[in-house]
């Protein structure tokens, strides 16, 4: 595949709306991975969340990849393209010429020929990874890489917003329950 830009403004609008119009992180992430696979003609796409204690990349959503590939084993952040932790994207244009994969045999068996991994950063900290898998060698253009960075930032904001919203909803429900118990001490 050549270096032509794949992400145009129309695709970016659709993807951004999918993020903005959802208040459920899991649903939003699933829609987003499906949209990226379909609109960019990808083999697959996965959004990972970085486990704070384990430093493993945990799957938030994925599309286009087999169950056997997704269950190949833990994806360790330091072994699975460690540059991402520093906020640097990693593009493997052809996996056949790379020694940076944690699971090279499984990746080849899945029919993946190229991988673009973009860190999901928030306030200078890595909280996850947006990973795109292509079925043929792929030289990602600078404009597409910039677009993927913006997209990853949007995902990071959506993840934070959703967590904050869920926490506030939980506090509201707790306060409502306490208030109800105080007003009606004999009733539960």
Protein backbone atom coordinates (compact mmCIF):
# COMPACT_ATOMS: atom_id res chain seq x y z
CA UNK A 1 0.00 0.00 0.00
CA UNK A 2 1.33 3.45 -0.80
CA UNK A 3 1.69 6.46 1.46
CA UNK A 4 -1.57 8.10 0.39
CA UNK A 5 -3.66 9.55 3.18
CA UNK A 6 -6.48 7.26 4.27
CA UNK A 7 -8.13 9.47 6.90
CA UNK A 8 -9.97 12.37 5.34
CA UNK A 9 -12.16 14.96 7.06
CA UNK A 10 -15.36 12.99 6.40
CA UNK A 11 -13.99 9.88 8.09
CA UNK A 12 -12.69 11.98 10.98
CA UNK A 13 -16.13 13.60 11.42
CA UNK A 14 -17.89 10.23 11.58
CA UNK A 15 -15.39 8.85 14.07
CA UNK A 16 -15.47 11.97 16.25
CA UNK A 17 -19.28 11.94 16.34
CA UNK A 18 -19.24 8.29 17.42
CA UNK A 19 -17.07 9.32 20.37
CA UNK A 20 -19.05 12.45 21.25
CA UNK A 21 -22.51 10.87 21.05
CA UNK A 22 -21.92 7.98 23.44
CA UNK A 23 -21.98 7.96 27.22
CA UNK A 24 -21.06 4.29 27.50
CA UNK A 25 -17.33 3.70 27.09
CA UNK A 26 -17.62 0.05 26.03
CA UNK A 27 -20.24 0.75 23.36
CA UNK A 28 -18.32 3.79 22.11
CA UNK A 29 -15.08 1.82 21.88
CA UNK A 30 -16.75 -1.06 20.04
CA UNK A 31 -18.37 1.32 17.54
CA UNK A 32 -15.09 3.10 17.06
CA UNK A 33 -13.09 -0.07 16.32
CA UNK A 34 -15.76 -1.21 13.87
CA UNK A 35 -15.79 2.19 12.14
CA UNK A 36 -12.02 2.23 11.81
CA UNK A 37 -11.89 -1.29 10.37
CA UNK A 38 -14.63 -0.51 7.86
CA UNK A 39 -13.66 2.98 6.76
CA UNK A 40 -9.89 2.39 6.59
CA UNK A 41 -10.11 -1.13 5.11
CA UNK A 42 -8.14 -2.62 8.00
CA UNK A 43 -7.69 -6.22 9.09
CA UNK A 44 -8.56 -5.23 12.66
CA UNK A 45 -8.42 -2.61 15.36
CA UNK A 46 -8.06 -2.79 19.14
CA UNK A 47 -8.28 -0.19 21.88
CA UNK A 48 -6.22 -1.19 24.90
CA UNK A 49 -6.27 0.28 28.39
CA UNK A 50 -3.01 0.25 30.32
CA UNK A 51 -3.46 -1.60 33.62
CA UNK A 52 -1.98 0.69 36.29
CA UNK A 53 -0.64 -2.13 38.47
CA UNK A 54 0.11 -4.87 35.94
CA UNK A 55 1.40 -2.65 33.10
CA UNK A 56 -0.47 -5.02 30.79
CA UNK A 57 -2.49 -3.75 27.88
CA UNK A 58 -6.07 -4.84 28.59
CA UNK A 59 -8.55 -4.97 25.73
CA UNK A 60 -11.32 -2.38 25.95
CA UNK A 61 -12.70 -3.14 22.47
CA UNK A 62 -11.65 -4.95 19.33
CA UNK A 63 -12.98 -5.61 15.86
CA UNK A 64 -11.88 -7.80 12.95
CA UNK A 65 -9.57 -10.12 14.86
CA UNK A 66 -10.09 -13.80 15.66
CA UNK A 67 -10.79 -15.11 19.15
CA UNK A 68 -7.62 -17.20 19.04
CA UNK A 69 -5.51 -14.13 18.24
CA UNK A 70 -7.17 -12.09 20.96
CA UNK A 71 -6.56 -14.85 23.53
CA UNK A 72 -2.91 -15.51 22.62
CA UNK A 73 -1.70 -14.31 26.02
CA UNK A 74 -1.12 -11.14 28.01
CA UNK A 75 0.01 -8.10 26.05
CA UNK A 76 2.85 -6.67 28.13
CA UNK A 77 3.47 -2.98 27.62
CA UNK A 78 7.25 -3.25 27.90
CA UNK A 79 7.46 -6.16 25.44
CA UNK A 80 4.71 -5.06 23.11
CA UNK A 81 6.19 -2.02 21.46
CA UNK A 82 7.69 -0.27 24.48
CA UNK A 83 8.07 3.11 22.79
CA UNK A 84 4.36 3.64 23.32
CA UNK A 85 4.90 4.19 27.03
CA UNK A 86 6.99 7.22 26.16
CA UNK A 87 4.18 8.66 24.06
CA UNK A 88 5.78 7.79 20.73
CA UNK A 89 3.76 6.02 18.05
CA UNK A 90 5.10 2.80 16.60
CA UNK A 91 4.45 1.86 13.00
CA UNK A 92 5.60 -1.50 11.75
CA UNK A 93 5.14 -1.16 8.00
CA UNK A 94 5.86 -4.85 7.35
CA UNK A 95 5.93 -7.38 10.21
CA UNK A 96 8.08 -9.75 8.15
CA UNK A 97 10.97 -7.30 8.52
CA UNK A 98 10.46 -6.55 12.23
CA UNK A 99 11.75 -8.05 15.45
CA UNK A 100 9.62 -5.81 17.71
CA UNK A 101 6.57 -8.08 18.10
CA UNK A 102 5.70 -9.94 21.29
CA UNK A 103 3.78 -12.63 19.39
CA UNK A 104 5.27 -12.75 15.86
CA UNK A 105 4.00 -16.23 14.88
CA UNK A 106 0.45 -15.51 16.03
CA UNK A 107 0.50 -12.16 14.24
CA UNK A 108 1.60 -13.75 10.98
CA UNK A 109 -0.92 -16.58 11.33
CA UNK A 110 -3.69 -13.98 11.83
CA UNK A 111 -2.85 -12.49 8.43
CA UNK A 112 -1.55 -9.22 9.84
CA UNK A 113 1.17 -7.61 7.72
CA UNK A 114 1.43 -4.15 9.31
CA UNK A 115 0.65 -2.53 12.66
CA UNK A 116 0.21 1.10 13.67
CA UNK A 117 0.14 1.70 17.44
CA UNK A 118 -0.67 5.12 18.83
CA UNK A 119 -0.51 5.90 22.55
CA UNK A 120 -3.62 7.21 24.26
CA UNK A 121 -2.23 9.99 26.41
CA UNK A 122 -3.91 12.08 29.07
CA UNK A 123 -2.09 14.87 30.91
CA UNK A 124 1.24 13.46 29.78
CA UNK A 125 0.54 9.93 31.03
CA UNK A 126 -0.09 6.92 28.86
CA UNK A 127 -3.48 5.38 29.68
CA UNK A 128 -3.85 3.09 26.67
CA UNK A 129 -3.11 2.28 23.06
CA UNK A 130 -5.01 2.52 19.80
CA UNK A 131 -3.72 -0.28 17.58
CA UNK A 132 -4.59 -0.73 13.91
CA UNK A 133 -3.75 -3.95 12.06
CA UNK A 134 -3.49 -4.07 8.28
CA UNK A 135 -3.66 -7.13 6.01
CA UNK A 136 -0.86 -5.83 3.78
CA UNK A 137 2.28 -3.73 4.28
CA UNK A 138 1.27 -0.18 5.18
CA UNK A 139 3.36 2.96 5.16
CA UNK A 140 1.25 5.34 7.25
CA UNK A 141 1.35 8.94 6.01
CA UNK A 142 2.32 11.77 8.37
CA UNK A 143 -1.16 13.27 8.02
CA UNK A 144 -2.82 9.97 8.94
CA UNK A 145 -0.47 9.60 11.91
CA UNK A 146 -1.43 13.12 13.05
CA UNK A 147 -5.11 12.21 12.65
CA UNK A 148 -4.60 9.02 14.66
CA UNK A 149 -2.92 11.06 17.42
CA UNK A 150 -5.93 13.38 17.56
CA UNK A 151 -8.24 10.40 17.59
CA UNK A 152 -6.28 8.81 20.45
CA UNK A 153 -6.54 12.07 22.41
CA UNK A 154 -10.30 12.06 21.88
CA UNK A 155 -10.45 8.47 23.12
CA UNK A 156 -8.46 9.44 26.23
CA UNK A 157 -10.85 12.31 26.95
CA UNK A 158 -13.86 10.04 26.41
CA UNK A 159 -12.39 7.43 28.78
CA UNK A 160 -11.84 10.06 31.46
CA UNK A 161 -15.25 11.68 30.95
CA UNK A 162 -17.02 8.33 31.19
CA UNK A 163 -15.18 7.32 34.35
CA UNK A 164 -15.92 10.70 35.94
CA UNK A 165 -19.56 10.55 34.90
CA UNK A 166 -19.94 7.03 36.34
CA UNK A 167 -18.29 8.09 39.61
CA UNK A 168 -20.59 11.10 39.93
CA UNK A 169 -23.63 8.93 39.16
CA UNK A 170 -22.56 6.52 41.91
CA UNK A 171 -22.15 9.37 44.41
CA UNK A 172 -25.56 10.76 43.44
CA UNK A 173 -27.22 7.36 43.96
CA UNK A 174 -25.52 6.95 47.34
CA UNK A 175 -26.63 10.40 48.50
CA UNK A 176 -30.18 9.72 47.28
CA UNK A 177 -30.26 6.41 49.17
CA UNK A 178 -28.93 8.01 52.37
CA UNK A 179 -31.41 10.86 52.05
CA UNK A 180 -34.30 8.40 51.59
CA UNK A 181 -33.24 6.39 54.66
CA UNK A 182 -32.99 9.56 56.81
CA UNK A 183 -36.42 10.81 55.72
CA UNK A 184 -38.04 7.40 56.26
CA UNK A 185 -36.08 5.75 59.12
CA UNK A 186 -38.58 2.90 59.56
CA UNK A 187 -38.77 2.01 55.85
CA UNK A 188 -36.13 0.46 53.65
